[in-house]
């Protein structure tokens, strides 16, 4: 721990007072959450304000954060992934800066590391895990468990990789669209690794990747409360555009250029991550800076739409409209009320 949490006394007092009116005692709730080993997940599309709410909830529950972002695990990819600086809040953040950008992270590896952290750093220390992020597949793997599915077929993979190198990924993405449209719409057209794996699973088992994912539900599930944040579309897109502009002001181009100079220009993480793949095209001279900026905004809006599509398929999620609250404290109060209502008191 880095010391006492930093929520101002007046804000904590406002929260406690508001909860008291609904007969919710915050300290008793914290003890119940610890005893029942409850996990709190805050999810939603990029740019909706998940991180800010996550910090506030972690403060109120005297705990720390676990990032559920598949790109924040990479060192040096800071501005484009909008990593938090939680030091000023005296909150630890896990699942960030674990690997160099050339590491090929799998969903299984992400899940295994996250589960170990949940047990070792949180449950063993009687703390409440607060998970925050928008990587739907990775979140599902952590909270619901993960079926490994069929093993790798090296011959099948080699053949597809060879053809993709020759013809490009569009041909096989379109094949995946016909076989498993729901999953194809959740991934990028150039996400070669996931395209190959989804086709491989179908080729070996006859099951689509979407069907396999649905079978995960309930396997090694954690006792979880799922909070989803959303915004009215115009408001969300406006915030996304501001966020992208801020990334350029903070030095996104310089960050990507450094990663390339450090030898990571051909890494899948950079080639696939929104904000990085576009800047690479700018640095290659294929587009100008303004085109790069607008392309990032467009692709970020597309990403947000895909994330919403994924999360709306999970009926366990309790949705809150972030733009209906005047400030983060009021949003946090409503979030705590949901957590309280979802708590399993029979286990206490």
Protein backbone atom coordinates (compact mmCIF):
# COMPACT_ATOMS: atom_id res chain seq x y z
CA UNK A 1 0.00 0.00 0.00
CA UNK A 2 1.07 3.58 -0.62
CA UNK A 3 -0.65 4.96 2.46
CA UNK A 4 -4.12 6.24 3.24
CA UNK A 5 -6.46 6.83 0.33
CA UNK A 6 -6.92 10.36 -0.85
CA UNK A 7 -10.63 11.14 -1.17
CA UNK A 8 -11.23 14.50 0.48
CA UNK A 9 -12.99 14.33 3.83
CA UNK A 10 -15.84 16.55 2.64
CA UNK A 11 -16.48 14.29 -0.35
CA UNK A 12 -16.33 11.13 1.74
CA UNK A 13 -18.70 12.80 4.19
CA UNK A 14 -21.11 13.60 1.35
CA UNK A 15 -21.04 9.97 0.22
CA UNK A 16 -21.55 8.61 3.73
CA UNK A 17 -24.42 11.02 4.38
CA UNK A 18 -26.16 10.14 1.09
CA UNK A 19 -25.80 6.42 1.75
CA UNK A 20 -27.10 6.78 5.31
CA UNK A 21 -30.36 8.12 3.90
CA UNK A 22 -30.79 4.76 2.15
CA UNK A 23 -29.74 2.90 5.30
CA UNK A 24 -26.39 1.87 3.81
CA UNK A 25 -23.43 1.93 6.17
CA UNK A 26 -20.25 2.17 4.08
CA UNK A 27 -17.96 0.50 6.61
CA UNK A 28 -20.34 -2.42 7.11
CA UNK A 29 -20.66 -2.78 3.34
CA UNK A 30 -16.86 -2.90 2.97
CA UNK A 31 -16.65 -5.70 5.56
CA UNK A 32 -19.41 -7.64 3.76
CA UNK A 33 -17.68 -7.27 0.41
CA UNK A 34 -14.43 -8.54 1.86
CA UNK A 35 -16.07 -11.50 3.56
CA UNK A 36 -17.96 -12.55 0.44
CA UNK A 37 -14.86 -12.02 -1.76
CA UNK A 38 -16.82 -9.79 -4.06
CA UNK A 39 -15.26 -8.39 -7.23
CA UNK A 40 -16.35 -4.99 -8.55
CA UNK A 41 -16.11 -4.49 -12.32
CA UNK A 42 -16.51 -1.09 -13.99
CA UNK A 43 -16.76 -1.49 -17.76
CA UNK A 44 -17.97 0.35 -20.83
CA UNK A 45 -16.74 2.01 -24.02
CA UNK A 46 -13.52 3.97 -24.30
CA UNK A 47 -13.77 7.62 -23.24
CA UNK A 48 -16.84 7.17 -21.02
CA UNK A 49 -15.08 7.90 -17.72
CA UNK A 50 -14.48 4.41 -16.31
CA UNK A 51 -11.06 5.23 -14.87
CA UNK A 52 -12.24 8.29 -12.97
CA UNK A 53 -15.10 6.34 -11.42
CA UNK A 54 -12.77 3.42 -10.69
CA UNK A 55 -10.38 5.64 -8.74
CA UNK A 56 -13.25 7.13 -6.73
CA UNK A 57 -14.77 3.73 -5.90
CA UNK A 58 -11.35 2.36 -4.94
CA UNK A 59 -10.90 5.34 -2.66
CA UNK A 60 -14.27 4.81 -1.00
CA UNK A 61 -13.66 1.07 -0.52
CA UNK A 62 -10.06 1.57 0.69
CA UNK A 63 -8.66 -0.65 -2.04
CA UNK A 64 -6.74 -0.65 -5.33
CA UNK A 65 -7.36 -1.03 -9.08
CA UNK A 66 -6.79 -3.77 -11.63
CA UNK A 67 -6.70 -2.64 -15.25
CA UNK A 68 -8.74 -4.70 -17.70
CA UNK A 69 -7.16 -3.11 -20.77
CA UNK A 70 -5.31 -5.49 -23.07
CA UNK A 71 -2.95 -2.73 -24.28
CA UNK A 72 -2.05 -1.13 -20.95
CA UNK A 73 0.00 -4.22 -20.12
CA UNK A 74 2.70 -2.93 -22.49
CA UNK A 75 5.55 -0.73 -21.29
CA UNK A 76 6.02 2.51 -23.18
CA UNK A 77 2.49 2.54 -24.59
CA UNK A 78 1.26 5.18 -22.16
CA UNK A 79 -0.33 8.17 -23.88
CA UNK A 80 -2.17 6.19 -26.55
CA UNK A 81 -3.67 3.79 -24.01
CA UNK A 82 -4.51 6.65 -21.62
CA UNK A 83 -2.79 5.05 -18.63
CA UNK A 84 -3.68 6.44 -15.24
CA UNK A 85 -1.27 8.09 -12.86
CA UNK A 86 -2.67 6.79 -9.58
CA UNK A 87 0.30 7.77 -7.43
CA UNK A 88 -1.23 11.14 -6.54
CA UNK A 89 -4.31 9.28 -5.31
CA UNK A 90 -2.17 6.84 -3.33
CA UNK A 91 -3.79 3.90 -5.11
CA UNK A 92 -1.93 0.94 -6.57
CA UNK A 93 -2.80 -0.16 -10.08
CA UNK A 94 -2.17 -3.70 -11.32
CA UNK A 95 -1.99 -5.23 -14.82
CA UNK A 96 -0.09 -2.29 -16.33
CA UNK A 97 3.49 -2.13 -17.67
CA UNK A 98 4.03 -5.89 -17.49
CA UNK A 99 5.48 -6.63 -20.93
CA UNK A 100 7.49 -5.01 -23.72
CA UNK A 101 5.40 -4.22 -26.82
CA UNK A 102 6.76 -7.19 -28.79
CA UNK A 103 5.26 -9.70 -26.34
CA UNK A 104 2.40 -11.66 -27.90
CA UNK A 105 -0.17 -11.61 -25.12
CA UNK A 106 -2.94 -14.21 -25.20
CA UNK A 107 -6.28 -14.04 -23.44
CA UNK A 108 -5.31 -17.08 -21.39
CA UNK A 109 -2.07 -15.48 -20.20
CA UNK A 110 -3.87 -12.24 -19.33
CA UNK A 111 -6.47 -14.19 -17.36
CA UNK A 112 -3.92 -16.27 -15.46
CA UNK A 113 -1.93 -13.22 -14.37
CA UNK A 114 -5.05 -11.28 -13.36
CA UNK A 115 -6.52 -14.18 -11.35
CA UNK A 116 -3.21 -14.62 -9.52
CA UNK A 117 -3.21 -10.91 -8.65
CA UNK A 118 -6.82 -11.04 -7.45
CA UNK A 119 -6.05 -13.91 -5.10
CA UNK A 120 -2.58 -12.86 -3.93
CA UNK A 121 -2.86 -9.07 -3.68
CA UNK A 122 -6.53 -8.73 -2.82
CA UNK A 123 -8.27 -11.76 -1.31
CA UNK A 124 -5.20 -12.87 0.68
CA UNK A 125 -4.97 -9.33 2.08
CA UNK A 126 -8.72 -8.97 2.67
CA UNK A 127 -9.11 -6.28 0.02
CA UNK A 128 -11.85 -5.75 -2.56
CA UNK A 129 -10.72 -6.08 -6.20
CA UNK A 130 -11.93 -3.20 -8.39
CA UNK A 131 -11.52 -4.07 -12.06
CA UNK A 132 -11.71 -1.26 -14.63
CA UNK A 133 -11.54 -1.53 -18.40
CA UNK A 134 -13.13 -1.98 -21.79
CA UNK A 135 -11.49 -5.12 -23.22
CA UNK A 136 -14.61 -7.30 -23.21
CA UNK A 137 -13.07 -10.65 -24.11
CA UNK A 138 -10.33 -10.28 -21.50
CA UNK A 139 -12.83 -9.22 -18.83
CA UNK A 140 -15.05 -12.21 -19.59
CA UNK A 141 -12.06 -14.55 -19.36
CA UNK A 142 -11.14 -13.19 -15.93
CA UNK A 143 -14.55 -13.12 -14.25
CA UNK A 144 -16.11 -16.17 -15.94
CA UNK A 145 -13.15 -18.43 -16.56
CA UNK A 146 -11.84 -19.59 -19.89
CA UNK A 147 -12.25 -22.70 -21.96
CA UNK A 148 -8.99 -23.32 -23.80
CA UNK A 149 -10.82 -24.69 -26.80
CA UNK A 150 -9.15 -26.87 -29.43
CA UNK A 151 -5.36 -26.95 -29.56
CA UNK A 152 -3.34 -25.33 -32.34
CA UNK A 153 -3.27 -26.82 -35.82
CA UNK A 154 0.17 -25.78 -37.10
CA UNK A 155 -0.48 -26.79 -40.72
CA UNK A 156 -3.78 -24.89 -40.83
CA UNK A 157 -2.12 -21.80 -39.31
CA UNK A 158 0.84 -21.86 -41.69
CA UNK A 159 -1.42 -22.06 -44.72
CA UNK A 160 -3.58 -19.11 -43.63
CA UNK A 161 -0.57 -17.00 -42.60
CA UNK A 162 1.06 -17.65 -45.97
CA UNK A 163 -2.11 -16.59 -47.81
CA UNK A 164 -2.58 -13.51 -45.62
CA UNK A 165 0.97 -12.40 -46.38
CA UNK A 166 0.17 -12.83 -50.09
CA UNK A 167 -3.37 -11.47 -50.29
CA UNK A 168 -3.84 -9.46 -47.08
CA UNK A 169 -6.22 -10.13 -44.13
CA UNK A 170 -9.46 -8.89 -45.75
CA UNK A 171 -10.17 -12.19 -47.51
CA UNK A 172 -10.07 -14.19 -44.27
CA UNK A 173 -11.85 -11.50 -42.27
CA UNK A 174 -14.72 -11.73 -44.77
CA UNK A 175 -14.72 -15.53 -44.41
CA UNK A 176 -14.98 -15.07 -40.64
CA UNK A 177 -17.85 -12.60 -41.15
CA UNK A 178 -19.82 -15.33 -42.94
CA UNK A 179 -18.98 -18.02 -40.36
CA UNK A 180 -19.20 -15.99 -37.15
CA UNK A 181 -20.49 -12.48 -37.76
CA UNK A 182 -20.95 -11.53 -34.05
CA UNK A 183 -17.30 -12.24 -33.23
CA UNK A 184 -15.97 -10.71 -36.46
CA UNK A 185 -17.74 -7.44 -35.68
CA UNK A 186 -15.99 -7.28 -32.30
CA UNK A 187 -12.47 -7.41 -33.71
CA UNK A 188 -10.49 -5.29 -36.18
CA UNK A 189 -10.17 -6.32 -39.82
CA UNK A 190 -6.39 -6.47 -39.43
CA UNK A 191 -6.38 -8.48 -36.19
CA UNK A 192 -4.65 -11.42 -37.86
CA UNK A 193 -4.02 -13.39 -34.68
CA UNK A 194 -7.70 -13.45 -33.66
CA UNK A 195 -8.93 -14.07 -37.21
CA UNK A 196 -6.69 -17.13 -37.50
CA UNK A 197 -7.66 -18.45 -34.05
CA UNK A 198 -11.40 -18.09 -34.71
CA UNK A 199 -11.11 -19.89 -38.05
CA UNK A 200 -8.91 -22.55 -36.45
CA UNK A 201 -11.48 -23.21 -33.71
CA UNK A 202 -14.25 -23.54 -36.30
CA UNK A 203 -12.13 -25.79 -38.53
CA UNK A 204 -11.32 -28.18 -35.66
CA UNK A 205 -14.53 -28.19 -33.64
CA UNK A 206 -17.33 -27.02 -35.92
CA UNK A 207 -18.17 -24.40 -33.27
CA UNK A 208 -17.95 -20.70 -33.90
CA UNK A 209 -15.80 -18.69 -31.52
CA UNK A 210 -18.95 -16.92 -30.29
CA UNK A 211 -20.52 -20.27 -29.39
CA UNK A 212 -17.39 -21.31 -27.54
CA UNK A 213 -17.33 -18.06 -25.59
CA UNK A 214 -20.95 -18.50 -24.50
CA UNK A 215 -19.97 -21.87 -23.02
CA UNK A 216 -17.49 -20.12 -20.70
CA UNK A 217 -20.20 -18.53 -18.56
CA UNK A 218 -20.18 -19.93 -15.04
CA UNK A 219 -16.83 -21.70 -15.26
CA UNK A 220 -14.75 -20.67 -12.23
CA UNK A 221 -16.87 -17.55 -12.00
CA UNK A 222 -15.97 -14.97 -9.39
CA UNK A 223 -18.63 -13.42 -7.19
CA UNK A 224 -18.94 -10.19 -9.15
CA UNK A 225 -20.90 -6.96 -9.41
CA UNK A 226 -20.83 -5.57 -12.95
CA UNK A 227 -21.25 -1.82 -13.45
CA UNK A 228 -21.50 -0.48 -16.99
CA UNK A 229 -21.02 3.19 -17.88
CA UNK A 230 -22.59 4.70 -20.97
CA UNK A 231 -23.20 8.16 -22.42
CA UNK A 232 -25.45 9.69 -25.01
CA UNK A 233 -23.71 9.18 -28.36
CA UNK A 234 -23.02 12.84 -29.13
CA UNK A 235 -21.58 13.36 -25.67
CA UNK A 236 -19.40 10.25 -25.91
CA UNK A 237 -18.08 11.16 -29.37
CA UNK A 238 -17.34 14.70 -28.22
CA UNK A 239 -15.34 13.36 -25.28
CA UNK A 240 -13.51 10.93 -27.56
CA UNK A 241 -12.47 13.76 -29.87
CA UNK A 242 -11.21 15.83 -26.95
CA UNK A 243 -9.31 12.83 -25.59
CA UNK A 244 -7.56 12.29 -28.93
CA UNK A 245 -6.65 15.98 -29.16
CA UNK A 246 -5.22 15.80 -25.64
CA UNK A 247 -3.13 12.75 -26.57
CA UNK A 248 -1.46 14.70 -29.37
CA UNK A 249 -0.78 17.59 -26.98
CA UNK A 250 0.81 15.16 -24.52
CA UNK A 251 3.18 13.83 -27.19
CA UNK A 252 1.59 10.78 -28.82
CA UNK A 253 3.67 11.12 -32.00
CA UNK A 254 6.88 11.36 -29.98
CA UNK A 255 5.86 8.28 -27.96
CA UNK A 256 5.22 6.19 -31.08
CA UNK A 257 8.44 7.40 -32.72
CA UNK A 258 10.41 6.33 -29.64
CA UNK A 259 8.81 2.89 -29.66
CA UNK A 260 9.76 2.48 -33.33
CA UNK A 261 13.32 3.62 -32.65
CA UNK A 262 13.49 1.13 -29.78
CA UNK A 263 12.76 -1.66 -32.26
CA UNK A 264 9.02 -2.22 -31.71
CA UNK A 265 7.71 -0.85 -35.02
CA UNK A 266 6.73 -4.29 -36.29
CA UNK A 267 5.09 -5.41 -33.04
CA UNK A 268 1.49 -6.58 -33.29
CA UNK A 269 0.58 -4.41 -30.31
CA UNK A 270 1.54 -1.23 -32.18
CA UNK A 271 0.12 -2.36 -35.50
CA UNK A 272 -3.27 -3.18 -34.00
CA UNK A 273 -3.76 -0.58 -31.26
CA UNK A 274 -5.90 2.42 -32.12
CA UNK A 275 -3.76 5.53 -31.82
CA UNK A 276 -0.55 3.74 -32.64
CA UNK A 277 -1.23 2.14 -36.02
CA UNK A 278 -2.42 5.49 -37.39
CA UNK A 279 0.65 7.40 -36.13
CA UNK A 280 2.86 4.74 -37.72
CA UNK A 281 1.19 5.51 -41.06
CA UNK A 282 1.86 9.22 -40.48
CA UNK A 283 5.52 8.61 -39.67
CA UNK A 284 5.82 6.51 -42.84
CA UNK A 285 4.54 9.50 -44.82
CA UNK A 286 1.37 7.75 -45.98
CA UNK A 287 -0.95 10.33 -44.38
CA UNK A 288 -0.51 13.86 -43.02
CA UNK A 289 -0.85 14.82 -39.35
CA UNK A 290 -4.43 16.08 -39.60
CA UNK A 291 -5.50 12.95 -41.47
CA UNK A 292 -3.82 10.91 -38.74
CA UNK A 293 -5.69 12.76 -36.01
CA UNK A 294 -9.05 12.38 -37.72
CA UNK A 295 -8.43 8.70 -38.46
CA UNK A 296 -7.70 8.03 -34.78
CA UNK A 297 -10.94 9.75 -33.83
CA UNK A 298 -12.87 7.71 -36.39
CA UNK A 299 -11.31 4.42 -35.30
CA UNK A 300 -11.83 5.24 -31.62
CA UNK A 301 -15.53 5.85 -32.27
CA UNK A 302 -15.68 2.49 -34.06
CA UNK A 303 -13.95 0.84 -31.12
CA UNK A 304 -16.42 2.38 -28.66
CA UNK A 305 -19.33 1.07 -30.75
CA UNK A 306 -17.85 -2.44 -30.76
CA UNK A 307 -17.28 -2.33 -27.02
CA UNK A 308 -20.88 -1.32 -26.40
CA UNK A 309 -22.10 -4.13 -28.64
CA UNK A 310 -20.07 -6.62 -26.61
CA UNK A 311 -21.15 -5.41 -23.18
CA UNK A 312 -24.82 -5.08 -24.08
CA UNK A 313 -24.83 -8.82 -24.61
CA UNK A 314 -24.15 -9.39 -20.89
CA UNK A 315 -27.42 -9.11 -18.98
CA UNK A 316 -25.60 -9.07 -15.64
CA UNK A 317 -24.35 -5.53 -16.19
CA UNK A 318 -26.00 -2.71 -14.22
CA UNK A 319 -25.94 0.31 -16.54
CA UNK A 320 -25.49 3.92 -15.45
CA UNK A 321 -25.67 6.96 -17.74
CA UNK A 322 -22.61 8.97 -16.77
CA UNK A 323 -23.85 12.17 -18.39
CA UNK A 324 -26.92 12.23 -16.13
CA UNK A 325 -24.79 13.01 -13.07
CA UNK A 326 -23.44 16.47 -12.28
CA UNK A 327 -20.22 15.20 -10.72
CA UNK A 328 -18.20 12.06 -10.05
CA UNK A 329 -19.28 11.91 -6.40
CA UNK A 330 -22.97 11.60 -7.28
CA UNK A 331 -22.10 8.90 -9.83
CA UNK A 332 -20.04 7.09 -7.21
CA UNK A 333 -22.91 7.22 -4.71
CA UNK A 334 -25.25 5.56 -7.22
CA UNK A 335 -22.57 2.97 -7.98
CA UNK A 336 -22.18 2.11 -4.29
CA UNK A 337 -25.96 1.69 -4.02
CA UNK A 338 -25.88 -0.86 -6.85
CA UNK A 339 -22.96 -2.68 -5.24
CA UNK A 340 -24.90 -2.81 -1.98
CA UNK A 341 -28.04 -4.15 -3.68
CA UNK A 342 -26.01 -6.80 -5.51
CA UNK A 343 -24.18 -7.97 -2.40
CA UNK A 344 -24.83 -11.56 -1.33
CA UNK A 345 -25.82 -11.11 2.29
CA UNK A 346 -26.57 -14.81 2.75
CA UNK A 347 -22.86 -15.52 2.74
CA UNK A 348 -22.19 -13.15 5.63
